[in-house]
N, C-alpha and C. Protein backbone atom coordinates (compact mmCIF):
# COMPACT_ATOMS: atom_id res chain seq x y z
N MET A 1 12.80 60.18 43.47
CA MET A 1 12.97 61.13 42.39
C MET A 1 13.85 60.54 41.29
N ARG A 2 14.87 59.79 41.72
CA ARG A 2 15.78 59.20 40.75
C ARG A 2 15.06 58.18 39.87
N ARG A 3 14.17 57.40 40.46
CA ARG A 3 13.39 56.41 39.70
C ARG A 3 12.51 57.08 38.66
N ILE A 4 11.91 58.17 39.01
CA ILE A 4 11.06 58.89 38.07
C ILE A 4 11.89 59.41 36.91
N THR A 5 13.07 59.92 37.19
CA THR A 5 13.94 60.44 36.15
C THR A 5 14.36 59.32 35.19
N ILE A 6 14.69 58.15 35.74
CA ILE A 6 15.08 57.01 34.91
C ILE A 6 13.90 56.55 34.06
N ALA A 7 12.69 56.49 34.62
CA ALA A 7 11.51 56.08 33.88
C ALA A 7 11.21 57.04 32.73
N ILE A 8 11.34 58.33 32.98
CA ILE A 8 11.09 59.33 31.94
C ILE A 8 12.15 59.20 30.84
N ALA A 9 13.41 59.00 31.21
CA ALA A 9 14.48 58.86 30.22
C ALA A 9 14.25 57.60 29.37
N ALA A 10 13.87 56.50 30.01
CA ALA A 10 13.61 55.27 29.27
C ALA A 10 12.45 55.45 28.30
N THR A 11 11.41 56.14 28.74
CA THR A 11 10.26 56.39 27.87
C THR A 11 10.66 57.23 26.67
N LEU A 12 11.48 58.24 26.88
CA LEU A 12 11.93 59.08 25.78
C LEU A 12 12.79 58.29 24.78
N VAL A 13 13.68 57.44 25.29
CA VAL A 13 14.53 56.65 24.40
C VAL A 13 13.69 55.68 23.58
N LEU A 14 12.75 54.98 24.22
CA LEU A 14 11.88 54.05 23.50
C LEU A 14 11.02 54.77 22.47
N SER A 15 10.51 55.93 22.82
CA SER A 15 9.70 56.71 21.87
C SER A 15 10.54 57.11 20.67
N ALA A 16 11.77 57.51 20.90
CA ALA A 16 12.65 57.90 19.79
C ALA A 16 12.93 56.71 18.88
N LEU A 17 13.11 55.54 19.46
CA LEU A 17 13.33 54.33 18.66
C LEU A 17 12.11 54.00 17.81
N ILE A 18 10.95 54.09 18.40
CA ILE A 18 9.71 53.78 17.68
C ILE A 18 9.54 54.73 16.49
N ILE A 19 9.89 55.98 16.68
CA ILE A 19 9.76 56.96 15.60
C ILE A 19 10.84 56.74 14.54
N ALA A 20 12.03 56.35 14.94
CA ALA A 20 13.15 56.24 14.00
C ALA A 20 13.15 54.93 13.22
N LEU A 21 12.66 53.85 13.79
CA LEU A 21 12.75 52.54 13.14
C LEU A 21 12.11 52.47 11.76
N PRO A 22 10.94 53.03 11.53
CA PRO A 22 10.38 52.94 10.18
C PRO A 22 11.25 53.62 9.11
N LYS A 23 12.11 54.53 9.50
CA LYS A 23 12.97 55.22 8.54
C LYS A 23 14.12 54.34 8.06
N PHE A 24 14.39 53.23 8.74
CA PHE A 24 15.49 52.35 8.36
C PHE A 24 15.11 51.35 7.29
N ARG A 25 13.92 51.40 6.78
CA ARG A 25 13.50 50.48 5.74
C ARG A 25 14.24 50.78 4.44
N THR A 26 14.39 49.73 3.62
CA THR A 26 15.08 49.89 2.34
C THR A 26 14.28 49.20 1.25
N ASP A 27 14.49 49.63 0.02
CA ASP A 27 13.81 49.01 -1.12
C ASP A 27 14.70 48.02 -1.85
N VAL A 28 15.85 47.70 -1.29
CA VAL A 28 16.76 46.75 -1.91
C VAL A 28 16.14 45.36 -1.85
N LYS A 29 16.14 44.67 -2.99
CA LYS A 29 15.58 43.33 -3.04
C LYS A 29 16.68 42.36 -3.42
N ALA A 30 16.97 41.44 -2.53
CA ALA A 30 18.02 40.45 -2.78
C ALA A 30 17.42 39.26 -3.49
N SER A 31 18.19 38.73 -4.41
CA SER A 31 17.75 37.50 -5.08
C SER A 31 18.55 36.34 -4.47
N PRO A 32 17.96 35.15 -4.40
CA PRO A 32 18.67 34.03 -3.78
C PRO A 32 19.91 33.64 -4.56
N VAL A 33 20.91 33.20 -3.84
CA VAL A 33 22.16 32.77 -4.47
C VAL A 33 21.94 31.48 -5.24
N ALA A 34 21.17 30.58 -4.66
CA ALA A 34 20.89 29.29 -5.31
C ALA A 34 19.39 29.11 -5.39
N SER A 35 18.96 28.37 -6.38
CA SER A 35 17.53 28.12 -6.50
C SER A 35 17.11 27.12 -5.41
N PRO A 36 15.90 27.23 -4.90
CA PRO A 36 15.46 26.30 -3.88
C PRO A 36 15.44 24.87 -4.40
N ALA A 37 15.68 23.95 -3.50
CA ALA A 37 15.68 22.54 -3.89
C ALA A 37 14.28 22.13 -4.32
N THR A 38 14.23 21.31 -5.35
CA THR A 38 12.93 20.82 -5.79
C THR A 38 12.46 19.75 -4.82
N PRO A 39 11.18 19.72 -4.50
CA PRO A 39 10.70 18.71 -3.57
C PRO A 39 10.87 17.31 -4.14
N GLN A 40 11.18 16.40 -3.25
CA GLN A 40 11.39 15.02 -3.69
C GLN A 40 10.04 14.36 -3.91
N THR A 41 9.82 13.88 -5.11
CA THR A 41 8.55 13.25 -5.43
C THR A 41 8.68 11.74 -5.54
N THR A 42 9.91 11.26 -5.56
CA THR A 42 10.10 9.83 -5.63
C THR A 42 10.30 9.28 -4.23
N GLY A 43 9.97 8.07 -4.06
CA GLY A 43 10.12 7.42 -2.77
C GLY A 43 9.43 6.08 -2.84
N CYS A 44 9.51 5.36 -1.77
CA CYS A 44 8.82 4.07 -1.70
C CYS A 44 7.34 4.35 -1.50
N LYS A 45 6.53 3.89 -2.42
CA LYS A 45 5.10 4.18 -2.38
C LYS A 45 4.33 3.01 -1.78
N ASN A 46 3.24 3.34 -1.11
CA ASN A 46 2.30 2.36 -0.55
C ASN A 46 2.99 1.41 0.45
N VAL A 47 3.90 1.95 1.25
CA VAL A 47 4.58 1.16 2.28
C VAL A 47 3.65 1.05 3.49
N MET A 48 3.50 -0.17 4.00
CA MET A 48 2.64 -0.40 5.16
C MET A 48 3.44 -0.97 6.31
N PHE A 49 2.91 -0.81 7.51
CA PHE A 49 3.50 -1.35 8.72
C PHE A 49 2.46 -2.25 9.38
N SER A 50 2.90 -3.43 9.81
CA SER A 50 2.01 -4.42 10.38
C SER A 50 2.51 -4.79 11.77
N PHE A 51 1.61 -4.87 12.73
CA PHE A 51 1.98 -5.21 14.10
C PHE A 51 0.79 -5.87 14.78
N LYS A 52 1.07 -6.49 15.91
CA LYS A 52 0.03 -7.20 16.67
C LYS A 52 -0.13 -6.52 18.03
N ASN A 53 -1.39 -6.37 18.47
CA ASN A 53 -1.67 -5.80 19.78
C ASN A 53 -1.56 -6.89 20.83
N GLY A 54 -0.59 -6.75 21.73
CA GLY A 54 -0.39 -7.72 22.81
C GLY A 54 -0.79 -7.18 24.16
N LEU A 55 -1.60 -6.12 24.20
CA LEU A 55 -2.03 -5.54 25.47
C LEU A 55 -3.42 -6.06 25.82
N PRO A 56 -3.52 -6.95 26.84
CA PRO A 56 -4.83 -7.51 27.19
C PRO A 56 -5.82 -6.42 27.59
N ASN A 57 -7.04 -6.56 27.13
CA ASN A 57 -8.16 -5.67 27.47
C ASN A 57 -7.93 -4.22 27.06
N GLU A 58 -7.08 -4.00 26.08
CA GLU A 58 -6.84 -2.64 25.60
C GLU A 58 -6.83 -2.59 24.08
N ASN A 59 -7.34 -1.50 23.56
CA ASN A 59 -7.22 -1.20 22.14
C ASN A 59 -6.07 -0.22 21.99
N ILE A 60 -5.38 -0.30 20.88
CA ILE A 60 -4.29 0.65 20.63
C ILE A 60 -4.51 1.33 19.29
N ARG A 61 -3.87 2.48 19.17
CA ARG A 61 -3.88 3.23 17.91
C ARG A 61 -2.47 3.77 17.71
N VAL A 62 -1.79 3.30 16.70
CA VAL A 62 -0.44 3.76 16.40
C VAL A 62 -0.55 5.08 15.64
N ASP A 63 0.15 6.10 16.13
CA ASP A 63 0.08 7.43 15.52
C ASP A 63 1.24 7.73 14.60
N LYS A 64 2.44 7.26 14.97
CA LYS A 64 3.59 7.56 14.13
C LYS A 64 4.64 6.47 14.25
N ILE A 65 5.47 6.39 13.22
CA ILE A 65 6.59 5.46 13.19
C ILE A 65 7.81 6.23 12.72
N GLU A 66 8.91 6.04 13.42
CA GLU A 66 10.20 6.58 12.99
C GLU A 66 10.99 5.43 12.37
N TYR A 67 11.73 5.73 11.33
CA TYR A 67 12.57 4.70 10.73
C TYR A 67 13.95 5.27 10.45
N ARG A 68 14.96 4.38 10.49
CA ARG A 68 16.35 4.79 10.35
C ARG A 68 16.95 4.21 9.08
N GLN A 69 17.64 5.07 8.33
CA GLN A 69 18.35 4.63 7.14
C GLN A 69 19.68 3.99 7.56
N PHE A 70 19.94 2.79 7.07
CA PHE A 70 21.13 2.04 7.45
C PHE A 70 22.41 2.79 7.09
N ALA A 71 22.51 3.29 5.88
CA ALA A 71 23.77 3.87 5.38
C ALA A 71 24.14 5.18 6.08
N THR A 72 23.16 6.01 6.38
CA THR A 72 23.44 7.34 6.92
C THR A 72 23.15 7.47 8.41
N GLY A 73 22.30 6.61 8.94
CA GLY A 73 21.88 6.74 10.33
C GLY A 73 20.83 7.81 10.54
N ASN A 74 20.34 8.42 9.45
CA ASN A 74 19.32 9.47 9.54
C ASN A 74 17.96 8.87 9.91
N TRP A 75 17.24 9.57 10.76
CA TRP A 75 15.90 9.16 11.17
C TRP A 75 14.86 9.99 10.45
N ARG A 76 13.75 9.37 10.10
CA ARG A 76 12.59 10.05 9.50
C ARG A 76 11.35 9.65 10.30
N THR A 77 10.33 10.47 10.25
CA THR A 77 9.09 10.19 10.97
C THR A 77 7.94 10.17 9.99
N GLU A 78 7.08 9.18 10.12
CA GLU A 78 5.86 9.08 9.32
C GLU A 78 4.65 9.09 10.25
N LEU A 79 3.71 9.98 9.98
CA LEU A 79 2.43 9.92 10.65
C LEU A 79 1.60 8.91 9.89
N ILE A 80 1.05 7.94 10.58
CA ILE A 80 0.40 6.83 9.89
C ILE A 80 -1.07 6.78 10.25
N SER A 81 -1.82 6.04 9.45
CA SER A 81 -3.25 5.92 9.68
C SER A 81 -3.70 4.51 9.35
N PHE A 82 -4.91 4.22 9.77
CA PHE A 82 -5.53 2.92 9.55
C PHE A 82 -6.88 3.12 8.90
N SER A 83 -7.35 2.08 8.26
CA SER A 83 -8.70 2.16 7.73
C SER A 83 -9.67 2.04 8.90
N GLY A 84 -10.90 2.45 8.69
CA GLY A 84 -11.90 2.38 9.76
C GLY A 84 -11.62 3.42 10.83
N ASN A 85 -11.83 3.01 12.10
CA ASN A 85 -11.66 3.96 13.19
C ASN A 85 -10.22 4.01 13.71
N GLY A 86 -9.33 3.21 13.16
CA GLY A 86 -7.93 3.26 13.53
C GLY A 86 -7.55 2.48 14.76
N GLU A 87 -8.50 1.76 15.35
CA GLU A 87 -8.22 1.01 16.57
C GLU A 87 -7.78 -0.40 16.24
N CYS A 88 -6.86 -0.91 17.03
CA CYS A 88 -6.36 -2.27 16.89
C CYS A 88 -6.68 -3.01 18.18
N ALA A 89 -7.55 -4.02 18.12
CA ALA A 89 -8.00 -4.75 19.30
C ALA A 89 -6.93 -5.74 19.77
N TYR A 90 -7.09 -6.22 20.99
CA TYR A 90 -6.18 -7.20 21.58
C TYR A 90 -6.08 -8.44 20.70
N HIS A 91 -4.89 -8.91 20.46
CA HIS A 91 -4.54 -10.07 19.63
C HIS A 91 -4.76 -9.86 18.14
N ALA A 92 -5.20 -8.69 17.74
CA ALA A 92 -5.42 -8.44 16.30
C ALA A 92 -4.11 -8.09 15.62
N LEU A 93 -3.96 -8.51 14.38
CA LEU A 93 -2.84 -8.12 13.54
C LEU A 93 -3.34 -6.96 12.68
N CYS A 94 -2.75 -5.81 12.86
CA CYS A 94 -3.25 -4.59 12.20
C CYS A 94 -2.23 -4.04 11.21
N ASN A 95 -2.73 -3.56 10.08
CA ASN A 95 -1.90 -2.97 9.04
C ASN A 95 -2.28 -1.50 8.86
N THR A 96 -1.28 -0.68 8.66
CA THR A 96 -1.54 0.73 8.38
C THR A 96 -1.96 0.87 6.92
N THR A 97 -2.54 2.00 6.59
CA THR A 97 -2.79 2.30 5.18
C THR A 97 -1.45 2.65 4.56
N GLY A 98 -1.32 2.59 3.28
CA GLY A 98 -0.04 2.81 2.62
C GLY A 98 0.46 4.24 2.73
N ASN A 99 1.74 4.37 2.99
CA ASN A 99 2.41 5.67 3.05
C ASN A 99 3.46 5.74 1.95
N THR A 100 3.76 6.95 1.50
CA THR A 100 4.89 7.15 0.61
C THR A 100 6.03 7.68 1.46
N LEU A 101 7.09 6.89 1.59
CA LEU A 101 8.24 7.29 2.39
C LEU A 101 9.14 8.20 1.57
N VAL A 102 9.88 9.08 2.22
CA VAL A 102 10.71 10.05 1.51
C VAL A 102 12.04 9.46 1.06
N VAL A 103 12.32 8.23 1.42
CA VAL A 103 13.57 7.61 0.98
C VAL A 103 13.34 6.92 -0.36
N PRO A 104 14.33 6.94 -1.24
CA PRO A 104 14.17 6.27 -2.53
C PRO A 104 14.13 4.76 -2.40
N ALA A 105 13.57 4.12 -3.39
CA ALA A 105 13.51 2.66 -3.42
C ALA A 105 14.93 2.10 -3.36
N GLY A 106 15.07 0.99 -2.65
CA GLY A 106 16.37 0.33 -2.52
C GLY A 106 17.14 0.70 -1.28
N VAL A 107 16.74 1.78 -0.58
CA VAL A 107 17.43 2.19 0.64
C VAL A 107 17.09 1.21 1.76
N ARG A 108 18.09 0.83 2.53
CA ARG A 108 17.87 -0.10 3.65
C ARG A 108 17.37 0.66 4.87
N LEU A 109 16.29 0.17 5.45
CA LEU A 109 15.76 0.71 6.70
C LEU A 109 15.96 -0.36 7.76
N ASP A 110 16.78 -0.05 8.77
CA ASP A 110 17.21 -1.10 9.68
C ASP A 110 16.68 -0.99 11.11
N GLN A 111 15.90 0.03 11.41
CA GLN A 111 15.33 0.14 12.75
C GLN A 111 14.07 0.98 12.68
N PHE A 112 13.08 0.60 13.48
CA PHE A 112 11.79 1.30 13.51
C PHE A 112 11.40 1.57 14.96
N ASN A 113 10.88 2.75 15.23
CA ASN A 113 10.33 3.10 16.54
C ASN A 113 8.85 3.40 16.36
N LEU A 114 8.04 2.73 17.15
CA LEU A 114 6.59 2.85 17.04
C LEU A 114 6.06 3.64 18.24
N TYR A 115 5.15 4.56 18.00
CA TYR A 115 4.51 5.36 19.05
C TYR A 115 3.01 5.14 18.96
N TYR A 116 2.37 4.87 20.10
CA TYR A 116 0.95 4.54 20.09
C TYR A 116 0.23 5.14 21.29
N LYS A 117 -1.09 5.08 21.25
CA LYS A 117 -1.96 5.43 22.36
C LYS A 117 -2.81 4.20 22.67
N SER A 118 -3.26 4.09 23.91
CA SER A 118 -4.10 2.95 24.28
C SER A 118 -5.30 3.42 25.08
N LYS A 119 -6.32 2.57 25.12
CA LYS A 119 -7.49 2.81 25.97
C LYS A 119 -8.13 1.47 26.27
N PRO A 120 -8.82 1.37 27.40
CA PRO A 120 -9.48 0.11 27.74
C PRO A 120 -10.50 -0.28 26.67
N SER A 121 -10.56 -1.57 26.36
CA SER A 121 -11.49 -2.01 25.32
C SER A 121 -12.94 -1.98 25.80
N ASN A 122 -13.16 -1.99 27.10
CA ASN A 122 -14.52 -1.83 27.61
C ASN A 122 -14.53 -0.61 28.52
N GLY A 123 -15.58 0.14 28.46
CA GLY A 123 -15.65 1.35 29.26
C GLY A 123 -15.63 2.59 28.39
N THR A 124 -15.57 3.72 29.04
CA THR A 124 -15.66 4.98 28.32
C THR A 124 -14.40 5.82 28.46
N ALA A 125 -13.34 5.25 28.99
CA ALA A 125 -12.09 6.01 29.15
C ALA A 125 -11.55 6.43 27.79
N GLY A 126 -10.89 7.57 27.77
CA GLY A 126 -10.33 8.09 26.52
C GLY A 126 -8.94 7.54 26.25
N TRP A 127 -8.35 8.04 25.20
CA TRP A 127 -7.02 7.59 24.80
C TRP A 127 -5.97 8.11 25.76
N SER A 128 -4.92 7.32 25.96
CA SER A 128 -3.80 7.72 26.81
C SER A 128 -2.95 8.76 26.07
N ALA A 129 -1.97 9.27 26.78
CA ALA A 129 -0.96 10.10 26.13
C ALA A 129 -0.13 9.20 25.21
N LEU A 130 0.65 9.80 24.35
CA LEU A 130 1.47 9.04 23.42
C LEU A 130 2.49 8.20 24.19
N ILE A 131 2.59 6.92 23.84
CA ILE A 131 3.49 5.97 24.50
C ILE A 131 4.55 5.54 23.48
N GLY A 132 5.78 5.46 23.91
CA GLY A 132 6.82 4.98 23.02
C GLY A 132 8.11 5.71 23.26
N PRO A 133 9.13 5.38 22.57
CA PRO A 133 9.13 4.47 21.42
C PRO A 133 9.26 3.00 21.82
N ILE A 134 8.70 2.16 20.99
CA ILE A 134 8.92 0.72 21.06
C ILE A 134 9.74 0.39 19.82
N MET A 135 10.92 -0.18 20.02
CA MET A 135 11.83 -0.44 18.91
C MET A 135 11.55 -1.80 18.29
N PHE A 136 11.51 -1.82 16.96
CA PHE A 136 11.38 -3.06 16.20
C PHE A 136 12.50 -3.11 15.16
N LEU A 137 12.98 -4.31 14.91
CA LEU A 137 14.03 -4.52 13.93
C LEU A 137 13.54 -5.45 12.84
N PRO A 138 13.79 -5.12 11.58
CA PRO A 138 13.45 -6.05 10.50
C PRO A 138 14.47 -7.19 10.49
N PRO A 139 14.24 -8.24 9.73
CA PRO A 139 15.23 -9.31 9.64
C PRO A 139 16.60 -8.75 9.22
N PRO A 140 17.70 -9.39 9.65
CA PRO A 140 19.03 -8.83 9.36
C PRO A 140 19.44 -8.94 7.89
N ASP A 141 18.71 -9.66 7.10
CA ASP A 141 19.01 -9.80 5.67
C ASP A 141 18.85 -8.44 4.97
N PRO A 142 19.90 -7.93 4.32
CA PRO A 142 19.80 -6.62 3.65
C PRO A 142 18.65 -6.54 2.66
N ALA A 143 18.34 -7.62 1.97
CA ALA A 143 17.23 -7.59 1.00
C ALA A 143 15.90 -7.37 1.72
N ALA A 144 15.76 -7.90 2.93
CA ALA A 144 14.51 -7.73 3.69
C ALA A 144 14.36 -6.32 4.23
N GLN A 145 15.46 -5.59 4.31
CA GLN A 145 15.42 -4.22 4.83
C GLN A 145 15.21 -3.18 3.74
N GLN A 146 15.35 -3.56 2.47
CA GLN A 146 15.26 -2.58 1.39
C GLN A 146 13.84 -2.07 1.21
N CYS A 147 13.75 -0.76 1.10
CA CYS A 147 12.46 -0.12 0.86
C CYS A 147 12.08 -0.31 -0.61
N ARG A 148 10.83 -0.66 -0.84
CA ARG A 148 10.32 -0.79 -2.21
C ARG A 148 8.82 -0.54 -2.17
N ASP A 149 8.25 -0.28 -3.33
CA ASP A 149 6.81 -0.03 -3.42
C ASP A 149 6.04 -1.24 -2.89
N SER A 150 4.96 -0.96 -2.17
CA SER A 150 4.03 -1.95 -1.62
C SER A 150 4.69 -2.90 -0.62
N LYS A 151 5.76 -2.47 0.01
CA LYS A 151 6.45 -3.28 1.03
C LYS A 151 5.66 -3.22 2.34
N ILE A 152 5.65 -4.34 3.06
CA ILE A 152 5.05 -4.39 4.40
C ILE A 152 6.16 -4.71 5.39
N TYR A 153 6.42 -3.77 6.27
CA TYR A 153 7.39 -3.99 7.35
C TYR A 153 6.63 -4.51 8.56
N GLY A 154 7.23 -5.45 9.27
CA GLY A 154 6.62 -5.97 10.49
C GLY A 154 5.87 -7.24 10.23
N GLY A 155 4.80 -7.43 10.98
CA GLY A 155 4.00 -8.64 10.91
C GLY A 155 3.72 -9.15 12.31
N PRO A 156 3.38 -10.44 12.45
CA PRO A 156 3.00 -10.97 13.76
C PRO A 156 4.12 -10.96 14.80
N THR A 157 5.38 -10.79 14.37
CA THR A 157 6.46 -10.74 15.34
C THR A 157 6.64 -9.35 15.94
N TRP A 158 6.03 -8.33 15.35
CA TRP A 158 6.06 -6.99 15.93
C TRP A 158 4.87 -6.87 16.86
N VAL A 159 5.06 -7.13 18.14
CA VAL A 159 3.98 -7.15 19.13
C VAL A 159 4.12 -5.94 20.05
N VAL A 160 3.05 -5.18 20.19
CA VAL A 160 3.01 -4.06 21.12
C VAL A 160 2.61 -4.63 22.47
N ARG A 161 3.52 -4.53 23.43
CA ARG A 161 3.27 -5.04 24.80
C ARG A 161 3.32 -3.93 25.79
């Protein structure tokens, strides 16, 4: 009997809330204290990443790259793509299509994390789950780390194993 009484009381309280809540609406319209930030349209344009597939009998497809700004330590993520079907065969040196990075030109990028998927080069198996990160470092020379338009990070020394 006590359970029934509690259930009925709970139902009545919830019903009262449902009826009362629409009455708490207001027509007050607040204006923002500050204007929203304008989107950043400048950045390093047409930046590419180059790496070599070192996985025997497997094709790889790099999906994203994270990069770190030297001065702040902030990380950013870029979803990347390739021309064609996006696959990089064993021993091939593959370049991504150009991306516009959100960091301004001249900013040093000192570390990169690469995430990829793989599948056997022969057979019908599908792509693996995302693998990574694999860390790559550019040369220690600050000029080599600076982001600029049409820059290519990596090359034959960035090998996915």
